Amino acid sequence: MVDETVGRRIPIPIIVCDDIAAMHAWLARVFGLSPGRLEHDAEGRCVHGELQAGDGAIWLHQVSPHFGLTSPKTLGATTGITAVMVEDVDAH
């Protein structure tokens, strides 16, 4: 993703999860992120999700053994961290 106003690239964090639709709804509800599109395959499974987070985006990706993508839940370990800044963490 390129921010045309400043000509720099904006990184997009990608979260690999087992249930993209549920994670999408949870992130929108809990952190107030703007829900974006959800994509489904021919069998109706949600395979991609997007949320707006300030000037950037967060993508949700399906577990994919073919590409070596496994959810932290399956691994039983943290594989990355996405920080979401809020005005007042105690109030949030």
PDB file of N, CA and C in Angstrom:
ATOM      1  N   MET A   1       0.858  -1.164   0.000  1.00  0.00           N
ATOM      2  CA  MET A   1       0.000   0.000   0.000  1.00  0.00           C
ATOM      3  C   MET A   1       0.905   1.228   0.000  1.00  0.00           C
ATOM      4  N   VAL A   2       0.636   2.197  -0.879  1.00  0.00           N
ATOM      5  CA  VAL A   2       1.438   3.412  -0.952  1.00  0.00           C
ATOM      6  C   VAL A   2       0.575   4.592  -0.544  1.00  0.00           C
ATOM      7  N   ASP A   3       1.081   5.401   0.379  1.00  0.00           N
ATOM      8  CA  ASP A   3       0.416   6.637   0.788  1.00  0.00           C
ATOM      9  C   ASP A   3       0.842   7.705  -0.205  1.00  0.00           C
ATOM     10  N   GLU A   4      -0.040   8.040  -1.138  1.00  0.00           N
ATOM     11  CA  GLU A   4       0.283   8.976  -2.208  1.00  0.00           C
ATOM     12  C   GLU A   4       0.589  10.379  -1.694  1.00  0.00           C
ATOM     13  N   THR A   5       0.083  10.737  -0.517  1.00  0.00           N
ATOM     14  CA  THR A   5       0.296  12.095  -0.013  1.00  0.00           C
ATOM     15  C   THR A   5       1.738  12.328   0.407  1.00  0.00           C
ATOM     16  N   VAL A   6       2.449  11.288   0.784  1.00  0.00           N
ATOM     17  CA  VAL A   6       3.836  11.451   1.211  1.00  0.00           C
ATOM     18  C   VAL A   6       4.789  10.562   0.428  1.00  0.00           C
ATOM     19  N   GLY A   7       4.276   9.739  -0.467  1.00  0.00           N
ATOM     20  CA  GLY A   7       5.111   8.902  -1.303  1.00  0.00           C
ATOM     21  C   GLY A   7       5.894   7.837  -0.559  1.00  0.00           C
ATOM     22  N   ARG A   8       5.350   7.322   0.531  1.00  0.00           N
ATOM     23  CA  ARG A   8       6.050   6.269   1.264  1.00  0.00           C
ATOM     24  C   ARG A   8       5.158   5.046   1.380  1.00  0.00           C
ATOM     25  N   ARG A   9       5.778   3.944   1.598  1.00  0.00           N
ATOM     26  CA  ARG A   9       5.029   2.694   1.747  1.00  0.00           C
ATOM     27  C   ARG A   9       4.552   2.551   3.185  1.00  0.00           C
ATOM     28  N   ILE A  10       3.333   2.053   3.328  1.00  0.00           N
ATOM     29  CA  ILE A  10       2.748   1.818   4.644  1.00  0.00           C
ATOM     30  C   ILE A  10       2.672   0.306   4.839  1.00  0.00           C
ATOM     31  N   PRO A  11       3.305  -0.228   5.881  1.00  0.00           N
ATOM     32  CA  PRO A  11       3.226  -1.676   6.107  1.00  0.00           C
ATOM     33  C   PRO A  11       1.804  -2.104   6.480  1.00  0.00           C
ATOM     34  N   ILE A  12       1.455  -3.294   6.088  1.00  0.00           N
ATOM     35  CA  ILE A  12       0.141  -3.847   6.419  1.00  0.00           C
ATOM     36  C   ILE A  12       0.357  -5.090   7.269  1.00  0.00           C
ATOM     37  N   PRO A  13      -0.002  -5.032   8.564  1.00  0.00           N
ATOM     38  CA  PRO A  13       0.105  -6.249   9.377  1.00  0.00           C
ATOM     39  C   PRO A  13      -0.923  -7.278   8.909  1.00  0.00           C
ATOM     40  N   ILE A  14      -0.512  -8.529   8.917  1.00  0.00           N
ATOM     41  CA  ILE A  14      -1.395  -9.627   8.523  1.00  0.00           C
ATOM     42  C   ILE A  14      -1.505 -10.580   9.707  1.00  0.00           C
ATOM     43  N   ILE A  15      -2.744 -10.875  10.093  1.00  0.00           N
ATOM     44  CA  ILE A  15      -3.005 -11.798  11.189  1.00  0.00           C
ATOM     45  C   ILE A  15      -3.565 -13.083  10.586  1.00  0.00           C
ATOM     46  N   VAL A  16      -2.897 -14.196  10.861  1.00  0.00           N
ATOM     47  CA  VAL A  16      -3.373 -15.500  10.403  1.00  0.00           C
ATOM     48  C   VAL A  16      -4.300 -16.049  11.487  1.00  0.00           C
ATOM     49  N   CYS A  17      -5.514 -16.420  11.095  1.00  0.00           N
ATOM     50  CA  CYS A  17      -6.470 -16.891  12.101  1.00  0.00           C
ATOM     51  C   CYS A  17      -7.359 -17.999  11.541  1.00  0.00           C
ATOM     52  N   ASP A  18      -7.911 -18.779  12.451  1.00  0.00           N
ATOM     53  CA  ASP A  18      -8.768 -19.898  12.075  1.00  0.00           C
ATOM     54  C   ASP A  18     -10.150 -19.450  11.618  1.00  0.00           C
ATOM     55  N   ASP A  19     -10.672 -18.387  12.222  1.00  0.00           N
ATOM     56  CA  ASP A  19     -12.022 -17.911  11.918  1.00  0.00           C
ATOM     57  C   ASP A  19     -11.952 -16.423  11.587  1.00  0.00           C
ATOM     58  N   ILE A  20     -11.741 -16.130  10.320  1.00  0.00           N
ATOM     59  CA  ILE A  20     -11.546 -14.752   9.867  1.00  0.00           C
ATOM     60  C   ILE A  20     -12.761 -13.883  10.179  1.00  0.00           C
ATOM     61  N   ALA A  21     -13.962 -14.356   9.909  1.00  0.00           N
ATOM     62  CA  ALA A  21     -15.164 -13.551  10.139  1.00  0.00           C
ATOM     63  C   ALA A  21     -15.321 -13.192  11.616  1.00  0.00           C
ATOM     64  N   ALA A  22     -15.058 -14.142  12.504  1.00  0.00           N
ATOM     65  CA  ALA A  22     -15.171 -13.869  13.941  1.00  0.00           C
ATOM     66  C   ALA A  22     -14.105 -12.879  14.392  1.00  0.00           C
ATOM     67  N   MET A  23     -12.867 -13.040  13.915  1.00  0.00           N
ATOM     68  CA  MET A  23     -11.789 -12.115  14.270  1.00  0.00           C
ATOM     69  C   MET A  23     -12.093 -10.714  13.739  1.00  0.00           C
ATOM     70  N   HIS A  24     -12.619 -10.640  12.546  1.00  0.00           N
ATOM     71  CA  HIS A  24     -12.999  -9.371  11.905  1.00  0.00           C
ATOM     72  C   HIS A  24     -14.014  -8.631  12.774  1.00  0.00           C
ATOM     73  N   ALA A  25     -15.054  -9.334  13.188  1.00  0.00           N
ATOM     74  CA  ALA A  25     -16.101  -8.725  14.020  1.00  0.00           C
ATOM     75  C   ALA A  25     -15.540  -8.320  15.385  1.00  0.00           C
ATOM     76  N   TRP A  26     -14.702  -9.161  15.967  1.00  0.00           N
ATOM     77  CA  TRP A  26     -14.133  -8.875  17.284  1.00  0.00           C
ATOM     78  C   TRP A  26     -13.233  -7.649  17.249  1.00  0.00           C
ATOM     79  N   LEU A  27     -12.343  -7.557  16.273  1.00  0.00           N
ATOM     80  CA  LEU A  27     -11.451  -6.399  16.173  1.00  0.00           C
ATOM     81  C   LEU A  27     -12.225  -5.106  15.953  1.00  0.00           C
ATOM     82  N   ALA A  28     -13.273  -5.173  15.145  1.00  0.00           N
ATOM     83  CA  ALA A  28     -14.094  -3.984  14.910  1.00  0.00           C
ATOM     84  C   ALA A  28     -14.813  -3.565  16.192  1.00  0.00           C
ATOM     85  N   ARG A  29     -15.358  -4.528  16.918  1.00  0.00           N
ATOM     86  CA  ARG A  29     -16.111  -4.229  18.131  1.00  0.00           C
ATOM     87  C   ARG A  29     -15.202  -3.772  19.274  1.00  0.00           C
ATOM     88  N   VAL A  30     -14.153  -4.500  19.547  1.00  0.00           N
ATOM     89  CA  VAL A  30     -13.316  -4.247  20.708  1.00  0.00           C
ATOM     90  C   VAL A  30     -12.400  -3.039  20.523  1.00  0.00           C
ATOM     91  N   PHE A  31     -11.815  -2.885  19.332  1.00  0.00           N
ATOM     92  CA  PHE A  31     -10.871  -1.797  19.112  1.00  0.00           C
ATOM     93  C   PHE A  31     -11.442  -0.650  18.301  1.00  0.00           C
ATOM     94  N   GLY A  32     -12.688  -0.771  17.855  1.00  0.00           N
ATOM     95  CA  GLY A  32     -13.303   0.306  17.090  1.00  0.00           C
ATOM     96  C   GLY A  32     -12.711   0.480  15.707  1.00  0.00           C
ATOM     97  N   LEU A  33     -12.101  -0.585  15.166  1.00  0.00           N
ATOM     98  CA  LEU A  33     -11.554  -0.502  13.814  1.00  0.00           C
ATOM     99  C   LEU A  33     -12.697  -0.493  12.815  1.00  0.00           C
ATOM    100  N   SER A  34     -12.482   0.154  11.696  1.00  0.00           N
ATOM    101  CA  SER A  34     -13.513   0.210  10.663  1.00  0.00           C
ATOM    102  C   SER A  34     -13.482  -1.080   9.858  1.00  0.00           C
ATOM    103  N   PRO A  35     -14.582  -1.839   9.887  1.00  0.00           N
ATOM    104  CA  PRO A  35     -14.582  -3.100   9.149  1.00  0.00           C
ATOM    105  C   PRO A  35     -14.534  -2.841   7.650  1.00  0.00           C
ATOM    106  N   GLY A  36     -13.697  -3.597   6.977  1.00  0.00           N
ATOM    107  CA  GLY A  36     -13.608  -3.546   5.523  1.00  0.00           C
ATOM    108  C   GLY A  36     -14.221  -4.796   4.940  1.00  0.00           C
ATOM    109  N   ARG A  37     -13.742  -5.162   3.792  1.00  0.00           N
ATOM    110  CA  ARG A  37     -14.351  -6.283   3.072  1.00  0.00           C
ATOM    111  C   ARG A  37     -13.969  -7.635   3.663  1.00  0.00           C
ATOM    112  N   LEU A  38     -14.839  -8.583   3.417  1.00  0.00           N
ATOM    113  CA  LEU A  38     -14.604  -9.996   3.701  1.00  0.00           C
ATOM    114  C   LEU A  38     -14.740 -10.732   2.377  1.00  0.00           C
ATOM    115  N   GLU A  39     -13.773 -11.592   2.062  1.00  0.00           N
ATOM    116  CA  GLU A  39     -13.835 -12.368   0.825  1.00  0.00           C
ATOM    117  C   GLU A  39     -14.078 -13.833   1.155  1.00  0.00           C
ATOM    118  N   HIS A  40     -14.919 -14.476   0.340  1.00  0.00           N
ATOM    119  CA  HIS A  40     -15.262 -15.885   0.546  1.00  0.00           C
ATOM    120  C   HIS A  40     -14.897 -16.690  -0.695  1.00  0.00           C
ATOM    121  N   ASP A  41     -14.556 -17.960  -0.491  1.00  0.00           N
ATOM    122  CA  ASP A  41     -14.262 -18.821  -1.628  1.00  0.00           C
ATOM    123  C   ASP A  41     -15.564 -19.415  -2.165  1.00  0.00           C
ATOM    124  N   ALA A  42     -15.454 -20.260  -3.167  1.00  0.00           N
ATOM    125  CA  ALA A  42     -16.628 -20.845  -3.823  1.00  0.00           C
ATOM    126  C   ALA A  42     -17.476 -21.689  -2.872  1.00  0.00           C
ATOM    127  N   GLU A  43     -16.850 -22.221  -1.804  1.00  0.00           N
ATOM    128  CA  GLU A  43     -17.595 -23.022  -0.818  1.00  0.00           C
ATOM    129  C   GLU A  43     -18.186 -22.167   0.298  1.00  0.00           C
ATOM    130  N   GLY A  44     -17.985 -20.852   0.229  1.00  0.00           N
ATOM    131  CA  GLY A  44     -18.549 -19.953   1.229  1.00  0.00           C
ATOM    132  C   GLY A  44     -17.663 -19.695   2.431  1.00  0.00           C
ATOM    133  N   ARG A  45     -16.439 -20.262   2.447  1.00  0.00           N
ATOM    134  CA  ARG A  45     -15.509 -20.037   3.557  1.00  0.00           C
ATOM    135  C   ARG A  45     -14.873 -18.660   3.433  1.00  0.00           C
ATOM    136  N   CYS A  46     -14.775 -17.968   4.549  1.00  0.00           N
ATOM    137  CA  CYS A  46     -14.130 -16.665   4.561  1.00  0.00           C
ATOM    138  C   CYS A  46     -12.622 -16.891   4.457  1.00  0.00           C
ATOM    139  N   VAL A  47     -11.984 -16.291   3.435  1.00  0.00           N
ATOM    140  CA  VAL A  47     -10.568 -16.526   3.178  1.00  0.00           C
ATOM    141  C   VAL A  47      -9.710 -15.267   3.322  1.00  0.00           C
ATOM    142  N   HIS A  48     -10.332 -14.112   3.466  1.00  0.00           N
ATOM    143  CA  HIS A  48      -9.587 -12.854   3.603  1.00  0.00           C
ATOM    144  C   HIS A  48     -10.494 -11.813   4.233  1.00  0.00           C
ATOM    145  N   GLY A  49      -9.920 -10.999   5.098  1.00  0.00           N
ATOM    146  CA  GLY A  49     -10.656  -9.897   5.707  1.00  0.00           C
ATOM    147  C   GLY A  49      -9.771  -8.667   5.804  1.00  0.00           C
ATOM    148  N   GLU A  50     -10.395  -7.501   5.823  1.00  0.00           N
ATOM    149  CA  GLU A  50      -9.650  -6.254   5.951  1.00  0.00           C
ATOM    150  C   GLU A  50     -10.353  -5.336   6.941  1.00  0.00           C
ATOM    151  N   LEU A  51      -9.542  -4.602   7.701  1.00  0.00           N
ATOM    152  CA  LEU A  51     -10.043  -3.580   8.614  1.00  0.00           C
ATOM    153  C   LEU A  51      -9.179  -2.340   8.436  1.00  0.00           C
ATOM    154  N   GLN A  52      -9.780  -1.176   8.620  1.00  0.00           N
ATOM    155  CA  GLN A  52      -9.032   0.075   8.600  1.00  0.00           C
ATOM    156  C   GLN A  52      -8.620   0.408  10.021  1.00  0.00           C
ATOM    157  N   ALA A  53      -7.355   0.773  10.188  1.00  0.00           N
ATOM    158  CA  ALA A  53      -6.804   1.134  11.484  1.00  0.00           C
ATOM    159  C   ALA A  53      -6.067   2.457  11.312  1.00  0.00           C
ATOM    160  N   GLY A  54      -6.749   3.553  11.587  1.00  0.00           N
ATOM    161  CA  GLY A  54      -6.138   4.864  11.366  1.00  0.00           C
ATOM    162  C   GLY A  54      -5.870   5.059   9.887  1.00  0.00           C
ATOM    163  N   ASP A  55      -4.616   5.377   9.556  1.00  0.00           N
ATOM    164  CA  ASP A  55      -4.234   5.585   8.154  1.00  0.00           C
ATOM    165  C   ASP A  55      -3.845   4.297   7.456  1.00  0.00           C
ATOM    166  N   GLY A  56      -3.866   3.194   8.178  1.00  0.00           N
ATOM    167  CA  GLY A  56      -3.434   1.929   7.609  1.00  0.00           C
ATOM    168  C   GLY A  56      -4.527   0.885   7.614  1.00  0.00           C
ATOM    169  N   ALA A  57      -4.123  -0.324   7.372  1.00  0.00           N
ATOM    170  CA  ALA A  57      -5.062  -1.438   7.299  1.00  0.00           C
ATOM    171  C   ALA A  57      -4.468  -2.635   8.033  1.00  0.00           C
ATOM    172  N   ILE A  58      -5.334  -3.559   8.423  1.00  0.00           N
ATOM    173  CA  ILE A  58      -4.945  -4.854   8.948  1.00  0.00           C
ATOM    174  C   ILE A  58      -5.642  -5.885   8.072  1.00  0.00           C
ATOM    175  N   TRP A  59      -4.891  -6.852   7.610  1.00  0.00           N
ATOM    176  CA  TRP A  59      -5.456  -7.930   6.820  1.00  0.00           C
ATOM    177  C   TRP A  59      -5.541  -9.185   7.672  1.00  0.00           C
ATOM    178  N   LEU A  60      -6.595  -9.941   7.456  1.00  0.00           N
ATOM    179  CA  LEU A  60      -6.786 -11.233   8.117  1.00  0.00           C
ATOM    180  C   LEU A  60      -6.651 -12.308   7.044  1.00  0.00           C
ATOM    181  N   HIS A  61      -5.827 -13.292   7.306  1.00  0.00           N
ATOM    182  CA  HIS A  61      -5.559 -14.333   6.314  1.00  0.00           C
ATOM    183  C   HIS A  61      -5.904 -15.692   6.887  1.00  0.00           C
ATOM    184  N   GLN A  62      -6.341 -16.577   6.015  1.00  0.00           N
ATOM    185  CA  GLN A  62      -6.675 -17.930   6.436  1.00  0.00           C
ATOM    186  C   GLN A  62      -5.423 -18.753   6.717  1.00  0.00           C
ATOM    187  N   VAL A  63      -5.578 -19.746   7.543  1.00  0.00           N
ATOM    188  CA  VAL A  63      -4.525 -20.730   7.763  1.00  0.00           C
ATOM    189  C   VAL A  63      -4.275 -21.413   6.420  1.00  0.00           C
ATOM    190  N   SER A  64      -3.006 -21.574   6.060  1.00  0.00           N
ATOM    191  CA  SER A  64      -2.673 -22.174   4.771  1.00  0.00           C
ATOM    192  C   SER A  64      -1.403 -23.018   4.894  1.00  0.00           C
ATOM    193  N   PRO A  65      -1.541 -24.330   5.085  1.00  0.00           N
ATOM    194  CA  PRO A  65      -0.358 -25.188   5.150  1.00  0.00           C
ATOM    195  C   PRO A  65       0.503 -25.063   3.887  1.00  0.00           C
ATOM    196  N   HIS A  66      -0.136 -24.851   2.740  1.00  0.00           N
ATOM    197  CA  HIS A  66       0.590 -24.707   1.472  1.00  0.00           C
ATOM    198  C   HIS A  66       1.620 -23.578   1.544  1.00  0.00           C
ATOM    199  N   PHE A  67       1.260 -22.476   2.214  1.00  0.00           N
ATOM    200  CA  PHE A  67       2.163 -21.334   2.340  1.00  0.00           C
ATOM    201  C   PHE A  67       2.848 -21.269   3.713  1.00  0.00           C
ATOM    202  N   GLY A  68       2.647 -22.300   4.528  1.00  0.00           N
ATOM    203  CA  GLY A  68       3.280 -22.340   5.842  1.00  0.00           C
ATOM    204  C   GLY A  68       2.662 -21.363   6.828  1.00  0.00           C
ATOM    205  N   LEU A  69       1.396 -21.011   6.641  1.00  0.00           N
ATOM    206  CA  LEU A  69       0.713 -20.065   7.528  1.00  0.00           C
ATOM    207  C   LEU A  69      -0.142 -20.824   8.530  1.00  0.00           C
ATOM    208  N   THR A  70       0.221 -20.707   9.789  1.00  0.00           N
ATOM    209  CA  THR A  70      -0.477 -21.376  10.872  1.00  0.00           C
ATOM    210  C   THR A  70      -0.870 -20.342  11.906  1.00  0.00           C
ATOM    211  N   SER A  71      -2.015 -20.506  12.507  1.00  0.00           N
ATOM    212  CA  SER A  71      -2.470 -19.546  13.510  1.00  0.00           C
ATOM    213  C   SER A  71      -1.690 -19.719  14.815  1.00  0.00           C
ATOM    214  N   PRO A  72      -1.514 -18.643  15.568  1.00  0.00           N
ATOM    215  CA  PRO A  72      -0.870 -18.756  16.885  1.00  0.00           C
ATOM    216  C   PRO A  72      -1.614 -19.741  17.793  1.00  0.00           C
ATOM    217  N   LYS A  73      -2.943 -19.808  17.650  1.00  0.00           N
ATOM    218  CA  LYS A  73      -3.744 -20.734  18.463  1.00  0.00           C
ATOM    219  C   LYS A  73      -3.308 -22.174  18.202  1.00  0.00           C
ATOM    220  N   THR A  74      -3.079 -22.518  16.944  1.00  0.00           N
ATOM    221  CA  THR A  74      -2.654 -23.866  16.591  1.00  0.00           C
ATOM    222  C   THR A  74      -1.247 -24.153  17.091  1.00  0.00           C
ATOM    223  N   LEU A  75      -0.362 -23.164  16.986  1.00  0.00           N
ATOM    224  CA  LEU A  75       1.023 -23.338  17.422  1.00  0.00           C
ATOM    225  C   LEU A  75       1.174 -23.325  18.935  1.00  0.00           C
ATOM    226  N   GLY A  76       0.232 -22.642  19.609  1.00  0.00           N
ATOM    227  CA  GLY A  76       0.355 -22.484  21.046  1.00  0.00           C
ATOM    228  C   GLY A  76       1.440 -21.481  21.408  1.00  0.00           C
ATOM    229  N   ALA A  77       1.661 -20.516  20.509  1.00  0.00           N
ATOM    230  CA  ALA A  77       2.720 -19.521  20.729  1.00  0.00           C
ATOM    231  C   ALA A  77       2.341 -18.206  20.054  1.00  0.00           C
ATOM    232  N   THR A  78       2.935 -17.136  20.512  1.00  0.00           N
ATOM    233  CA  THR A  78       2.756 -15.842  19.871  1.00  0.00           C
ATOM    234  C   THR A  78       3.697 -15.771  18.676  1.00  0.00           C
ATOM    235  N   THR A  79       3.161 -15.419  17.523  1.00  0.00           N
ATOM    236  CA  THR A  79       3.970 -15.353  16.304  1.00  0.00           C
ATOM    237  C   THR A  79       4.206 -13.922  15.842  1.00  0.00           C
ATOM    238  N   GLY A  80       3.546 -12.984  16.458  1.00  0.00           N
ATOM    239  CA  GLY A  80       3.702 -11.576  16.120  1.00  0.00           C
ATOM    240  C   GLY A  80       2.788 -10.757  17.004  1.00  0.00           C
ATOM    241  N   ILE A  81       2.974  -9.462  16.978  1.00  0.00           N
ATOM    242  CA  ILE A  81       2.155  -8.568  17.798  1.00  0.00           C
ATOM    243  C   ILE A  81       1.727  -7.388  16.947  1.00  0.00           C
ATOM    244  N   THR A  82       0.464  -7.013  17.051  1.00  0.00           N
ATOM    245  CA  THR A  82      -0.038  -5.814  16.411  1.00  0.00           C
ATOM    246  C   THR A  82      -0.503  -4.876  17.514  1.00  0.00           C
ATOM    247  N   ALA A  83       0.075  -3.693  17.577  1.00  0.00           N
ATOM    248  CA  ALA A  83      -0.303  -2.711  18.599  1.00  0.00           C
ATOM    249  C   ALA A  83      -1.360  -1.780  18.019  1.00  0.00           C
ATOM    250  N   VAL A  84      -2.434  -1.586  18.764  1.00  0.00           N
ATOM    251  CA  VAL A  84      -3.486  -0.652  18.385  1.00  0.00           C
ATOM    252  C   VAL A  84      -3.516   0.437  19.436  1.00  0.00           C
ATOM    253  N   MET A  85      -3.230   1.657  19.031  1.00  0.00           N
ATOM    254  CA  MET A  85      -3.184   2.777  19.962  1.00  0.00           C
ATOM    255  C   MET A  85      -4.590   3.325  20.197  1.00  0.00           C
ATOM    256  N   VAL A  86      -4.923   3.568  21.462  1.00  0.00           N
ATOM    257  CA  VAL A  86      -6.198   4.170  21.825  1.00  0.00           C
ATOM    258  C   VAL A  86      -5.921   5.400  22.674  1.00  0.00           C
ATOM    259  N   GLU A  87      -6.850   6.326  22.701  1.00  0.00           N
ATOM    260  CA  GLU A  87      -6.689   7.576  23.427  1.00  0.00           C
ATOM    261  C   GLU A  87      -6.476   7.359  24.926  1.00  0.00           C
ATOM    262  N   ASP A  88      -7.334   6.525  25.520  1.00  0.00           N
ATOM    263  CA  ASP A  88      -7.274   6.288  26.959  1.00  0.00           C
ATOM    264  C   ASP A  88      -7.404   4.786  27.210  1.00  0.00           C
ATOM    265  N   VAL A  89      -6.276   4.127  27.438  1.00  0.00           N
ATOM    266  CA  VAL A  89      -6.281   2.666  27.568  1.00  0.00           C
ATOM    267  C   VAL A  89      -7.132   2.214  28.761  1.00  0.00           C
ATOM    268  N   ASP A  90      -7.134   2.957  29.863  1.00  0.00           N
ATOM    269  CA  ASP A  90      -7.943   2.562  31.020  1.00  0.00           C
ATOM    270  C   ASP A  90      -9.437   2.650  30.709  1.00  0.00           C
ATOM    271  N   ALA A  91      -9.841   3.686  30.027  1.00  0.00           N
ATOM    272  CA  ALA A  91     -11.249   3.838  29.656  1.00  0.00           C
ATOM    273  C   ALA A  91     -11.654   2.793  28.637  1.00  0.00           C
ATOM    274  N   HIS A  92     -10.736   2.450  27.763  1.00  0.00           N
ATOM    275  CA  HIS A  92     -11.029   1.473  26.714  1.00  0.00           C
ATOM    276  C   HIS A  92     -11.287   0.116  27.329  1.00  0.00           C
TER     277      HIS A  92
END
